């Protein structure tokens, strides 16, 4: 039987460590589902896996977020700023998402590295 309990971070599956829950796209501290945010706001261009293999992503020359070389070069601050302010053809999300949600998305992008 899987046990659930409410901690200071919200609903928590006792069979799942906080780091494994975060790896699945959640942000326990702020109770933000970064995977769902990515799917809603980013996957159209960047793809569910972040590799930008979608037709819109190819058309817009979207960044391959899973590229390990890019991941090594870019800072967390730059990822946050790109999502917040936009970059190139990508619109900024500062009016649609809170800073906490954008921070969760930036952390999620780090998990896409292949």
PDB file of N, CA and C in Angstrom:
ATOM      1  N   UNK A   1       0.843  -1.175   0.000  1.00  0.00           N
ATOM      2  CA  UNK A   1       0.000   0.000   0.000  1.00  0.00           C
ATOM      3  C   UNK A   1       0.889   1.240   0.000  1.00  0.00           C
ATOM      4  N   UNK A   2       0.567   2.207  -0.818  1.00  0.00           N
ATOM      5  CA  UNK A   2       1.330   3.442  -0.898  1.00  0.00           C
ATOM      6  C   UNK A   2       0.730   4.445   0.081  1.00  0.00           C
ATOM      7  N   UNK A   3       1.586   5.011   0.907  1.00  0.00           N
ATOM      8  CA  UNK A   3       1.113   5.979   1.902  1.00  0.00           C
ATOM      9  C   UNK A   3       1.308   7.405   1.393  1.00  0.00           C
ATOM     10  N   UNK A   4       0.314   8.222   1.643  1.00  0.00           N
ATOM     11  CA  UNK A   4       0.396   9.646   1.314  1.00  0.00           C
ATOM     12  C   UNK A   4       0.249  10.433   2.608  1.00  0.00           C
ATOM     13  N   UNK A   5       0.933  11.519   2.704  1.00  0.00           N
ATOM     14  CA  UNK A   5       0.747  12.398   3.843  1.00  0.00           C
ATOM     15  C   UNK A   5       1.010  13.821   3.412  1.00  0.00           C
ATOM     16  N   UNK A   6       0.535  14.739   4.213  1.00  0.00           N
ATOM     17  CA  UNK A   6       0.734  16.149   3.922  1.00  0.00           C
ATOM     18  C   UNK A   6       1.877  16.629   4.805  1.00  0.00           C
ATOM     19  N   UNK A   7       2.911  17.113   4.162  1.00  0.00           N
ATOM     20  CA  UNK A   7       4.049  17.680   4.882  1.00  0.00           C
ATOM     21  C   UNK A   7       4.001  19.186   4.724  1.00  0.00           C
ATOM     22  N   UNK A   8       5.040  19.830   5.147  1.00  0.00           N
ATOM     23  CA  UNK A   8       5.099  21.285   4.962  1.00  0.00           C
ATOM     24  C   UNK A   8       5.154  21.639   3.495  1.00  0.00           C
ATOM     25  N   UNK A   9       5.434  20.674   2.631  1.00  0.00           N
ATOM     26  CA  UNK A   9       5.516  20.913   1.200  1.00  0.00           C
ATOM     27  C   UNK A   9       4.224  20.553   0.487  1.00  0.00           C
ATOM     28  N   UNK A  10       3.211  20.110   1.189  1.00  0.00           N
ATOM     29  CA  UNK A  10       1.968  19.710   0.543  1.00  0.00           C
ATOM     30  C   UNK A  10       1.863  18.197   0.482  1.00  0.00           C
ATOM     31  N   UNK A  11       1.040  17.695  -0.402  1.00  0.00           N
ATOM     32  CA  UNK A  11       0.811  16.267  -0.546  1.00  0.00           C
ATOM     33  C   UNK A  11       2.088  15.581  -0.991  1.00  0.00           C
ATOM     34  N   UNK A  12       2.462  14.519  -0.324  1.00  0.00           N
ATOM     35  CA  UNK A  12       3.718  13.849  -0.599  1.00  0.00           C
ATOM     36  C   UNK A  12       3.503  12.353  -0.584  1.00  0.00           C
ATOM     37  N   UNK A  13       4.006  11.680  -1.579  1.00  0.00           N
ATOM     38  CA  UNK A  13       3.937  10.235  -1.674  1.00  0.00           C
ATOM     39  C   UNK A  13       5.109   9.678  -0.883  1.00  0.00           C
ATOM     40  N   UNK A  14       4.838   8.970   0.199  1.00  0.00           N
ATOM     41  CA  UNK A  14       5.893   8.480   1.082  1.00  0.00           C
ATOM     42  C   UNK A  14       6.818   7.499   0.394  1.00  0.00           C
ATOM     43  N   UNK A  15       6.387   6.875  -0.679  1.00  0.00           N
ATOM     44  CA  UNK A  15       7.241   5.919  -1.382  1.00  0.00           C
ATOM     45  C   UNK A  15       8.177   6.615  -2.360  1.00  0.00           C
ATOM     46  N   UNK A  16       8.084   7.921  -2.443  1.00  0.00           N
ATOM     47  CA  UNK A  16       8.850   8.685  -3.416  1.00  0.00           C
ATOM     48  C   UNK A  16       9.662   9.725  -2.668  1.00  0.00           C
ATOM     49  N   UNK A  17      10.957   9.763  -2.909  1.00  0.00           N
ATOM     50  CA  UNK A  17      11.794  10.757  -2.260  1.00  0.00           C
ATOM     51  C   UNK A  17      11.545  12.120  -2.875  1.00  0.00           C
ATOM     52  N   UNK A  18      11.837  13.193  -2.150  1.00  0.00           N
ATOM     53  CA  UNK A  18      11.666  14.528  -2.731  1.00  0.00           C
ATOM     54  C   UNK A  18      12.455  14.720  -4.016  1.00  0.00           C
ATOM     55  N   UNK A  19      13.662  14.164  -4.082  1.00  0.00           N
ATOM     56  CA  UNK A  19      14.450  14.340  -5.302  1.00  0.00           C
ATOM     57  C   UNK A  19      13.849  13.575  -6.472  1.00  0.00           C
ATOM     58  N   UNK A  20      13.248  12.407  -6.224  1.00  0.00           N
ATOM     59  CA  UNK A  20      12.630  11.688  -7.338  1.00  0.00           C
ATOM     60  C   UNK A  20      11.355  12.377  -7.785  1.00  0.00           C
ATOM     61  N   UNK A  21      10.623  12.984  -6.853  1.00  0.00           N
ATOM     62  CA  UNK A  21       9.439  13.738  -7.239  1.00  0.00           C
ATOM     63  C   UNK A  21       9.833  14.945  -8.068  1.00  0.00           C
ATOM     64  N   UNK A  22      10.896  15.628  -7.676  1.00  0.00           N
ATOM     65  CA  UNK A  22      11.367  16.782  -8.451  1.00  0.00           C
ATOM     66  C   UNK A  22      11.827  16.337  -9.823  1.00  0.00           C
ATOM     67  N   UNK A  23      12.454  15.188  -9.906  1.00  0.00           N
ATOM     68  CA  UNK A  23      12.923  14.686 -11.197  1.00  0.00           C
ATOM     69  C   UNK A  23      11.755  14.372 -12.120  1.00  0.00           C
ATOM     70  N   UNK A  24      10.593  14.105 -11.543  1.00  0.00           N
ATOM     71  CA  UNK A  24       9.419  13.833 -12.356  1.00  0.00           C
ATOM     72  C   UNK A  24       8.714  15.117 -12.780  1.00  0.00           C
ATOM     73  N   UNK A  25       9.296  16.265 -12.456  1.00  0.00           N
ATOM     74  CA  UNK A  25       8.738  17.519 -12.953  1.00  0.00           C
ATOM     75  C   UNK A  25       8.037  18.349 -11.907  1.00  0.00           C
ATOM     76  N   UNK A  26       7.907  17.864 -10.707  1.00  0.00           N
ATOM     77  CA  UNK A  26       7.264  18.639  -9.665  1.00  0.00           C
ATOM     78  C   UNK A  26       8.267  19.499  -8.928  1.00  0.00           C
ATOM     79  N   UNK A  27       7.770  20.446  -8.186  1.00  0.00           N
ATOM     80  CA  UNK A  27       8.586  21.283  -7.333  1.00  0.00           C
ATOM     81  C   UNK A  27       7.889  21.253  -5.992  1.00  0.00           C
ATOM     82  N   UNK A  28       8.288  20.332  -5.098  1.00  0.00           N
ATOM     83  CA  UNK A  28       7.570  20.126  -3.853  1.00  0.00           C
ATOM     84  C   UNK A  28       7.535  21.372  -2.983  1.00  0.00           C
ATOM     85  N   UNK A  29       8.625  22.114  -2.960  1.00  0.00           N
ATOM     86  CA  UNK A  29       8.697  23.262  -2.078  1.00  0.00           C
ATOM     87  C   UNK A  29       7.590  24.259  -2.391  1.00  0.00           C
ATOM     88  N   UNK A  30       7.327  24.490  -3.627  1.00  0.00           N
ATOM     89  CA  UNK A  30       6.325  25.476  -4.007  1.00  0.00           C
ATOM     90  C   UNK A  30       5.063  24.844  -4.577  1.00  0.00           C
ATOM     91  N   UNK A  31       5.003  23.510  -4.559  1.00  0.00           N
ATOM     92  CA  UNK A  31       3.862  22.768  -5.073  1.00  0.00           C
ATOM     93  C   UNK A  31       3.539  23.154  -6.521  1.00  0.00           C
ATOM     94  N   UNK A  32       4.583  23.302  -7.332  1.00  0.00           N
ATOM     95  CA  UNK A  32       4.437  23.674  -8.733  1.00  0.00           C
ATOM     96  C   UNK A  32       4.764  22.457  -9.586  1.00  0.00           C
ATOM     97  N   UNK A  33       3.909  22.139 -10.527  1.00  0.00           N
ATOM     98  CA  UNK A  33       4.162  21.045 -11.455  1.00  0.00           C
ATOM     99  C   UNK A  33       4.857  21.615 -12.689  1.00  0.00           C
ATOM    100  N   UNK A  34       6.181  21.646 -12.641  1.00  0.00           N
ATOM    101  CA  UNK A  34       6.974  22.231 -13.725  1.00  0.00           C
ATOM    102  C   UNK A  34       6.783  21.464 -15.024  1.00  0.00           C
ATOM    103  N   UNK A  35       6.595  20.150 -14.942  1.00  0.00           N
ATOM    104  CA  UNK A  35       6.372  19.359 -16.150  1.00  0.00           C
ATOM    105  C   UNK A  35       5.098  19.818 -16.858  1.00  0.00           C
ATOM    106  N   UNK A  36       4.035  20.059 -16.094  1.00  0.00           N
ATOM    107  CA  UNK A  36       2.778  20.532 -16.684  1.00  0.00           C
ATOM    108  C   UNK A  36       2.938  21.936 -17.268  1.00  0.00           C
ATOM    109  N   UNK A  37       3.672  22.791 -16.578  1.00  0.00           N
ATOM    110  CA  UNK A  37       3.945  24.132 -17.122  1.00  0.00           C
ATOM    111  C   UNK A  37       4.709  24.037 -18.432  1.00  0.00           C
ATOM    112  N   UNK A  38       5.714  23.168 -18.468  1.00  0.00           N
ATOM    113  CA  UNK A  38       6.505  22.983 -19.681  1.00  0.00           C
ATOM    114  C   UNK A  38       5.621  22.478 -20.813  1.00  0.00           C
ATOM    115  N   UNK A  39       4.783  21.485 -20.503  1.00  0.00           N
ATOM    116  CA  UNK A  39       3.890  20.925 -21.519  1.00  0.00           C
ATOM    117  C   UNK A  39       2.944  21.992 -22.067  1.00  0.00           C
ATOM    118  N   UNK A  40       2.456  22.858 -21.206  1.00  0.00           N
ATOM    119  CA  UNK A  40       1.490  23.879 -21.621  1.00  0.00           C
ATOM    120  C   UNK A  40       2.133  25.040 -22.375  1.00  0.00           C
ATOM    121  N   UNK A  41       3.301  25.494 -21.926  1.00  0.00           N
ATOM    122  CA  UNK A  41       3.877  26.728 -22.456  1.00  0.00           C
ATOM    123  C   UNK A  41       5.102  26.542 -23.353  1.00  0.00           C
ATOM    124  N   UNK A  42       5.748  25.399 -23.290  1.00  0.00           N
ATOM    125  CA  UNK A  42       7.039  25.252 -23.967  1.00  0.00           C
ATOM    126  C   UNK A  42       7.098  24.123 -24.999  1.00  0.00           C
ATOM    127  N   UNK A  43       6.347  23.051 -24.763  1.00  0.00           N
ATOM    128  CA  UNK A  43       6.480  21.844 -25.581  1.00  0.00           C
ATOM    129  C   UNK A  43       6.059  22.041 -27.033  1.00  0.00           C
ATOM    130  N   UNK A  44       5.206  22.999 -27.316  1.00  0.00           N
ATOM    131  CA  UNK A  44       4.794  23.233 -28.701  1.00  0.00           C
ATOM    132  C   UNK A  44       6.008  23.484 -29.584  1.00  0.00           C
ATOM    133  N   UNK A  45       6.951  24.231 -29.089  1.00  0.00           N
ATOM    134  CA  UNK A  45       8.177  24.524 -29.852  1.00  0.00           C
ATOM    135  C   UNK A  45       9.332  23.615 -29.455  1.00  0.00           C
ATOM    136  N   UNK A  46       9.543  23.446 -28.143  1.00  0.00           N
ATOM    137  CA  UNK A  46      10.718  22.706 -27.681  1.00  0.00           C
ATOM    138  C   UNK A  46      10.484  21.200 -27.619  1.00  0.00           C
ATOM    139  N   UNK A  47       9.254  20.745 -27.769  1.00  0.00           N
ATOM    140  CA  UNK A  47       8.945  19.318 -27.695  1.00  0.00           C
ATOM    141  C   UNK A  47       8.878  18.847 -26.257  1.00  0.00           C
ATOM    142  N   UNK A  48       8.185  17.759 -26.018  1.00  0.00           N
ATOM    143  CA  UNK A  48       8.054  17.215 -24.667  1.00  0.00           C
ATOM    144  C   UNK A  48       9.398  16.845 -24.073  1.00  0.00           C
ATOM    145  N   UNK A  49      10.334  16.442 -24.935  1.00  0.00           N
ATOM    146  CA  UNK A  49      11.653  16.041 -24.458  1.00  0.00           C
ATOM    147  C   UNK A  49      12.677  17.176 -24.516  1.00  0.00           C
ATOM    148  N   UNK A  50      12.247  18.358 -24.973  1.00  0.00           N
ATOM    149  CA  UNK A  50      13.133  19.518 -25.027  1.00  0.00           C
ATOM    150  C   UNK A  50      14.034  19.584 -26.238  1.00  0.00           C
ATOM    151  N   UNK A  51      13.929  18.627 -27.152  1.00  0.00           N
ATOM    152  CA  UNK A  51      14.853  18.557 -28.291  1.00  0.00           C
ATOM    153  C   UNK A  51      14.447  19.405 -29.499  1.00  0.00           C
ATOM    154  N   UNK A  52      13.333  20.096 -29.412  1.00  0.00           N
ATOM    155  CA  UNK A  52      12.868  21.022 -30.457  1.00  0.00           C
ATOM    156  C   UNK A  52      12.675  20.353 -31.819  1.00  0.00           C
ATOM    157  N   UNK A  53      12.191  19.126 -31.808  1.00  0.00           N
ATOM    158  CA  UNK A  53      11.956  18.387 -33.050  1.00  0.00           C
ATOM    159  C   UNK A  53      10.524  18.551 -33.553  1.00  0.00           C
ATOM    160  N   UNK A  54       9.773  19.483 -33.000  1.00  0.00           N
ATOM    161  CA  UNK A  54       8.399  19.722 -33.439  1.00  0.00           C
ATOM    162  C   UNK A  54       8.420  20.549 -34.725  1.00  0.00           C
ATOM    163  N   UNK A  55       7.320  20.514 -35.463  1.00  0.00           N
ATOM    164  CA  UNK A  55       7.274  21.304 -36.697  1.00  0.00           C
ATOM    165  C   UNK A  55       7.388  22.796 -36.386  1.00  0.00           C
ATOM    166  N   UNK A  56       6.709  23.256 -35.360  1.00  0.00           N
ATOM    167  CA  UNK A  56       6.816  24.668 -34.985  1.00  0.00           C
ATOM    168  C   UNK A  56       8.218  24.991 -34.473  1.00  0.00           C
ATOM    169  N   UNK A  57       8.801  24.079 -33.738  1.00  0.00           N
ATOM    170  CA  UNK A  57      10.165  24.273 -33.235  1.00  0.00           C
ATOM    171  C   UNK A  57      11.177  24.386 -34.361  1.00  0.00           C
ATOM    172  N   UNK A  58      11.023  23.551 -35.374  1.00  0.00           N
ATOM    173  CA  UNK A  58      11.916  23.615 -36.535  1.00  0.00           C
ATOM    174  C   UNK A  58      11.726  24.918 -37.295  1.00  0.00           C
ATOM    175  N   UNK A  59      10.477  25.323 -37.465  1.00  0.00           N
ATOM    176  CA  UNK A  59      10.171  26.560 -38.171  1.00  0.00           C
ATOM    177  C   UNK A  59      10.734  27.781 -37.433  1.00  0.00           C
ATOM    178  N   UNK A  60      10.622  27.766 -36.118  1.00  0.00           N
ATOM    179  CA  UNK A  60      11.053  28.910 -35.304  1.00  0.00           C
ATOM    180  C   UNK A  60      12.520  28.801 -34.864  1.00  0.00           C
ATOM    181  N   UNK A  61      13.192  27.727 -35.243  1.00  0.00           N
ATOM    182  CA  UNK A  61      14.581  27.492 -34.831  1.00  0.00           C
ATOM    183  C   UNK A  61      14.715  27.478 -33.309  1.00  0.00           C
ATOM    184  N   UNK A  62      13.813  26.754 -32.666  1.00  0.00           N
ATOM    185  CA  UNK A  62      13.816  26.658 -31.210  1.00  0.00           C
ATOM    186  C   UNK A  62      15.076  25.940 -30.727  1.00  0.00           C
ATOM    187  N   UNK A  63      15.522  26.328 -29.574  1.00  0.00           N
ATOM    188  CA  UNK A  63      16.712  25.747 -28.942  1.00  0.00           C
ATOM    189  C   UNK A  63      16.448  24.310 -28.528  1.00  0.00           C
ATOM    190  N   UNK A  64      17.430  23.436 -28.758  1.00  0.00           N
ATOM    191  CA  UNK A  64      17.405  22.077 -28.241  1.00  0.00           C
ATOM    192  C   UNK A  64      17.852  22.156 -26.782  1.00  0.00           C
ATOM    193  N   UNK A  65      16.890  22.096 -25.883  1.00  0.00           N
ATOM    194  CA  UNK A  65      17.178  22.254 -24.457  1.00  0.00           C
ATOM    195  C   UNK A  65      17.846  21.035 -23.848  1.00  0.00           C
ATOM    196  N   UNK A  66      17.854  19.920 -24.548  1.00  0.00           N
ATOM    197  CA  UNK A  66      18.474  18.696 -24.052  1.00  0.00           C
ATOM    198  C   UNK A  66      19.945  18.583 -24.449  1.00  0.00           C
ATOM    199  N   UNK A  67      20.427  19.503 -25.260  1.00  0.00           N
ATOM    200  CA  UNK A  67      21.806  19.463 -25.736  1.00  0.00           C
ATOM    201  C   UNK A  67      22.781  19.638 -24.573  1.00  0.00           C
ATOM    202  N   UNK A  68      23.605  18.623 -24.288  1.00  0.00           N
ATOM    203  CA  UNK A  68      24.510  18.708 -23.141  1.00  0.00           C
ATOM    204  C   UNK A  68      25.542  19.840 -23.261  1.00  0.00           C
ATOM    205  N   UNK A  69      25.960  20.158 -24.467  1.00  0.00           N
ATOM    206  CA  UNK A  69      26.920  21.252 -24.644  1.00  0.00           C
ATOM    207  C   UNK A  69      26.273  22.589 -24.277  1.00  0.00           C
ATOM    208  N   UNK A  70      25.044  22.808 -24.738  1.00  0.00           N
ATOM    209  CA  UNK A  70      24.329  24.030 -24.376  1.00  0.00           C
ATOM    210  C   UNK A  70      24.083  24.076 -22.878  1.00  0.00           C
ATOM    211  N   UNK A  71      23.666  22.947 -22.317  1.00  0.00           N
ATOM    212  CA  UNK A  71      23.416  22.873 -20.874  1.00  0.00           C
ATOM    213  C   UNK A  71      24.670  23.247 -20.071  1.00  0.00           C
ATOM    214  N   UNK A  72      25.832  22.825 -20.549  1.00  0.00           N
ATOM    215  CA  UNK A  72      27.084  23.124 -19.847  1.00  0.00           C
ATOM    216  C   UNK A  72      27.448  24.609 -19.942  1.00  0.00           C
ATOM    217  N   UNK A  73      27.091  25.249 -21.051  1.00  0.00           N
ATOM    218  CA  UNK A  73      27.440  26.657 -21.284  1.00  0.00           C
ATOM    219  C   UNK A  73      26.530  27.646 -20.579  1.00  0.00           C
ATOM    220  N   UNK A  74      25.259  27.338 -20.512  1.00  0.00           N
ATOM    221  CA  UNK A  74      24.262  28.302 -20.067  1.00  0.00           C
ATOM    222  C   UNK A  74      24.113  28.274 -18.538  1.00  0.00           C
ATOM    223  N   UNK A  75      23.911  29.454 -17.974  1.00  0.00           N
ATOM    224  CA  UNK A  75      23.696  29.543 -16.526  1.00  0.00           C
ATOM    225  C   UNK A  75      22.212  29.426 -16.200  1.00  0.00           C
ATOM    226  N   UNK A  76      21.921  29.102 -14.955  1.00  0.00           N
ATOM    227  CA  UNK A  76      20.531  29.065 -14.504  1.00  0.00           C
ATOM    228  C   UNK A  76      19.889  30.446 -14.651  1.00  0.00           C
ATOM    229  N   UNK A  77      20.657  31.479 -14.381  1.00  0.00           N
ATOM    230  CA  UNK A  77      20.137  32.838 -14.510  1.00  0.00           C
ATOM    231  C   UNK A  77      19.739  33.144 -15.956  1.00  0.00           C
ATOM    232  N   UNK A  78      20.544  32.688 -16.897  1.00  0.00           N
ATOM    233  CA  UNK A  78      20.208  32.933 -18.300  1.00  0.00           C
ATOM    234  C   UNK A  78      18.934  32.196 -18.709  1.00  0.00           C
ATOM    235  N   UNK A  79      18.784  30.966 -18.240  1.00  0.00           N
ATOM    236  CA  UNK A  79      17.557  30.212 -18.543  1.00  0.00           C
ATOM    237  C   UNK A  79      16.356  30.956 -17.966  1.00  0.00           C
ATOM    238  N   UNK A  80      16.461  31.376 -16.712  1.00  0.00           N
ATOM    239  CA  UNK A  80      15.371  32.124 -16.078  1.00  0.00           C
ATOM    240  C   UNK A  80      15.056  33.386 -16.879  1.00  0.00           C
ATOM    241  N   UNK A  81      16.085  34.155 -17.225  1.00  0.00           N
ATOM    242  CA  UNK A  81      15.880  35.406 -17.957  1.00  0.00           C
ATOM    243  C   UNK A  81      15.288  35.170 -19.341  1.00  0.00           C
ATOM    244  N   UNK A  82      15.694  34.106 -20.004  1.00  0.00           N
ATOM    245  CA  UNK A  82      15.142  33.801 -21.329  1.00  0.00           C
ATOM    246  C   UNK A  82      13.658  33.484 -21.245  1.00  0.00           C
ATOM    247  N   UNK A  83      13.268  32.714 -20.234  1.00  0.00           N
ATOM    248  CA  UNK A  83      11.851  32.386 -20.067  1.00  0.00           C
ATOM    249  C   UNK A  83      11.086  33.643 -19.651  1.00  0.00           C
ATOM    250  N   UNK A  84      11.638  34.395 -18.752  1.00  0.00           N
ATOM    251  CA  UNK A  84      10.968  35.589 -18.236  1.00  0.00           C
ATOM    252  C   UNK A  84      10.815  36.675 -19.303  1.00  0.00           C
ATOM    253  N   UNK A  85      11.906  36.989 -19.996  1.00  0.00           N
ATOM    254  CA  UNK A  85      11.932  38.123 -20.915  1.00  0.00           C
ATOM    255  C   UNK A  85      11.749  37.743 -22.377  1.00  0.00           C
ATOM    256  N   UNK A  86      11.909  36.472 -22.697  1.00  0.00           N
ATOM    257  CA  UNK A  86      11.911  36.030 -24.084  1.00  0.00           C
ATOM    258  C   UNK A  86      13.318  36.109 -24.658  1.00  0.00           C
ATOM    259  N   UNK A  87      13.493  35.478 -25.797  1.00  0.00           N
ATOM    260  CA  UNK A  87      14.809  35.473 -26.441  1.00  0.00           C
ATOM    261  C   UNK A  87      14.593  35.141 -27.908  1.00  0.00           C
ATOM    262  N   UNK A  88      15.063  35.995 -28.783  1.00  0.00           N
ATOM    263  CA  UNK A  88      14.862  35.763 -30.209  1.00  0.00           C
ATOM    264  C   UNK A  88      13.378  35.715 -30.534  1.00  0.00           C
ATOM    265  N   UNK A  89      12.951  34.625 -31.168  1.00  0.00           N
ATOM    266  CA  UNK A  89      11.543  34.448 -31.532  1.00  0.00           C
ATOM    267  C   UNK A  89      10.673  34.031 -30.344  1.00  0.00           C
ATOM    268  N   UNK A  90      11.299  33.608 -29.258  1.00  0.00           N
ATOM    269  CA  UNK A  90      10.543  33.129 -28.103  1.00  0.00           C
ATOM    270  C   UNK A  90       9.980  34.299 -27.307  1.00  0.00           C
ATOM    271  N   UNK A  91       8.675  34.243 -27.020  1.00  0.00           N
ATOM    272  CA  UNK A  91       8.088  35.326 -26.222  1.00  0.00           C
ATOM    273  C   UNK A  91       8.473  35.199 -24.753  1.00  0.00           C
ATOM    274  N   UNK A  92       8.427  36.295 -24.033  1.00  0.00           N
ATOM    275  CA  UNK A  92       8.631  36.274 -22.592  1.00  0.00           C
ATOM    276  C   UNK A  92       7.359  35.825 -21.887  1.00  0.00           C
ATOM    277  N   UNK A  93       7.514  35.220 -20.749  1.00  0.00           N
ATOM    278  CA  UNK A  93       6.371  34.716 -19.993  1.00  0.00           C
ATOM    279  C   UNK A  93       6.174  35.469 -18.686  1.00  0.00           C
ATOM    280  N   UNK A  94       6.813  36.628 -18.560  1.00  0.00           N
ATOM    281  CA  UNK A  94       6.714  37.395 -17.322  1.00  0.00           C
ATOM    282  C   UNK A  94       5.297  37.856 -17.001  1.00  0.00           C
ATOM    283  N   UNK A  95       4.451  37.975 -17.991  1.00  0.00           N
ATOM    284  CA  UNK A  95       3.054  38.395 -17.767  1.00  0.00           C
ATOM    285  C   UNK A  95       2.113  37.199 -17.558  1.00  0.00           C
ATOM    286  N   UNK A  96       2.566  36.016 -17.942  1.00  0.00           N
ATOM    287  CA  UNK A  96       1.717  34.820 -17.835  1.00  0.00           C
ATOM    288  C   UNK A  96       2.057  33.960 -16.622  1.00  0.00           C
ATOM    289  N   UNK A  97       3.324  33.981 -16.204  1.00  0.00           N
ATOM    290  CA  UNK A  97       3.784  33.114 -15.129  1.00  0.00           C
ATOM    291  C   UNK A  97       4.425  33.929 -14.018  1.00  0.00           C
ATOM    292  N   UNK A  98       4.337  33.410 -12.802  1.00  0.00           N
ATOM    293  CA  UNK A  98       4.997  34.059 -11.667  1.00  0.00           C
ATOM    294  C   UNK A  98       6.495  33.758 -11.714  1.00  0.00           C
ATOM    295  N   UNK A  99       7.272  34.506 -10.954  1.00  0.00           N
ATOM    296  CA  UNK A  99       8.714  34.237 -10.882  1.00  0.00           C
ATOM    297  C   UNK A  99       8.967  32.841 -10.332  1.00  0.00           C
ATOM    298  N   UNK A 100       8.148  32.401  -9.400  1.00  0.00           N
ATOM    299  CA  UNK A 100       8.290  31.063  -8.825  1.00  0.00           C
ATOM    300  C   UNK A 100       8.046  29.993  -9.883  1.00  0.00           C
ATOM    301  N   UNK A 101       7.046  30.194 -10.728  1.00  0.00           N
ATOM    302  CA  UNK A 101       6.775  29.240 -11.803  1.00  0.00           C
ATOM    303  C   UNK A 101       7.912  29.239 -12.826  1.00  0.00           C
ATOM    304  N   UNK A 102       8.437  30.413 -13.152  1.00  0.00           N
ATOM    305  CA  UNK A 102       9.543  30.492 -14.108  1.00  0.00           C
ATOM    306  C   UNK A 102      10.783  29.837 -13.531  1.00  0.00           C
ATOM    307  N   UNK A 103      11.014  30.016 -12.239  1.00  0.00           N
ATOM    308  CA  UNK A 103      12.146  29.364 -11.581  1.00  0.00           C
ATOM    309  C   UNK A 103      11.991  27.842 -11.639  1.00  0.00           C
ATOM    310  N   UNK A 104      10.771  27.355 -11.436  1.00  0.00           N
ATOM    311  CA  UNK A 104      10.510  25.909 -11.524  1.00  0.00           C
ATOM    312  C   UNK A 104      10.757  25.411 -12.948  1.00  0.00           C
ATOM    313  N   UNK A 105      10.343  26.188 -13.948  1.00  0.00           N
ATOM    314  CA  UNK A 105      10.596  25.818 -15.340  1.00  0.00           C
ATOM    315  C   UNK A 105      12.091  25.768 -15.631  1.00  0.00           C
ATOM    316  N   UNK A 106      12.838  26.746 -15.126  1.00  0.00           N
ATOM    317  CA  UNK A 106      14.286  26.766 -15.339  1.00  0.00           C
ATOM    318  C   UNK A 106      14.932  25.521 -14.741  1.00  0.00           C
ATOM    319  N   UNK A 107      14.486  25.123 -13.559  1.00  0.00           N
ATOM    320  CA  UNK A 107      14.997  23.894 -12.950  1.00  0.00           C
ATOM    321  C   UNK A 107      14.618  22.670 -13.768  1.00  0.00           C
ATOM    322  N   UNK A 108      13.415  22.653 -14.295  1.00  0.00           N
ATOM    323  CA  UNK A 108      12.959  21.539 -15.125  1.00  0.00           C
ATOM    324  C   UNK A 108      13.802  21.421 -16.391  1.00  0.00           C
ATOM    325  N   UNK A 109      14.141  22.554 -16.996  1.00  0.00           N
ATOM    326  CA  UNK A 109      14.973  22.546 -18.206  1.00  0.00           C
ATOM    327  C   UNK A 109      16.296  21.826 -17.928  1.00  0.00           C
ATOM    328  N   UNK A 110      16.849  22.005 -16.740  1.00  0.00           N
ATOM    329  CA  UNK A 110      18.102  21.320 -16.379  1.00  0.00           C
ATOM    330  C   UNK A 110      17.929  19.802 -16.404  1.00  0.00           C
ATOM    331  N   UNK A 111      16.751  19.315 -16.128  1.00  0.00           N
ATOM    332  CA  UNK A 111      16.492  17.879 -16.095  1.00  0.00           C
ATOM    333  C   UNK A 111      16.385  17.272 -17.487  1.00  0.00           C
ATOM    334  N   UNK A 112      16.302  18.109 -18.507  1.00  0.00           N
ATOM    335  CA  UNK A 112      16.140  17.615 -19.879  1.00  0.00           C
ATOM    336  C   UNK A 112      17.461  17.190 -20.518  1.00  0.00           C
ATOM    337  N   UNK A 113      18.579  17.503 -19.877  1.00  0.00           N
ATOM    338  CA  UNK A 113      19.897  17.177 -20.430  1.00  0.00           C
ATOM    339  C   UNK A 113      20.004  15.670 -20.668  1.00  0.00           C
ATOM    340  N   UNK A 114      20.424  15.321 -21.867  1.00  0.00           N
ATOM    341  CA  UNK A 114      20.553  13.897 -22.234  1.00  0.00           C
ATOM    342  C   UNK A 114      22.000  13.482 -22.227  1.00  0.00           C
TER     343      UNK A 114
END
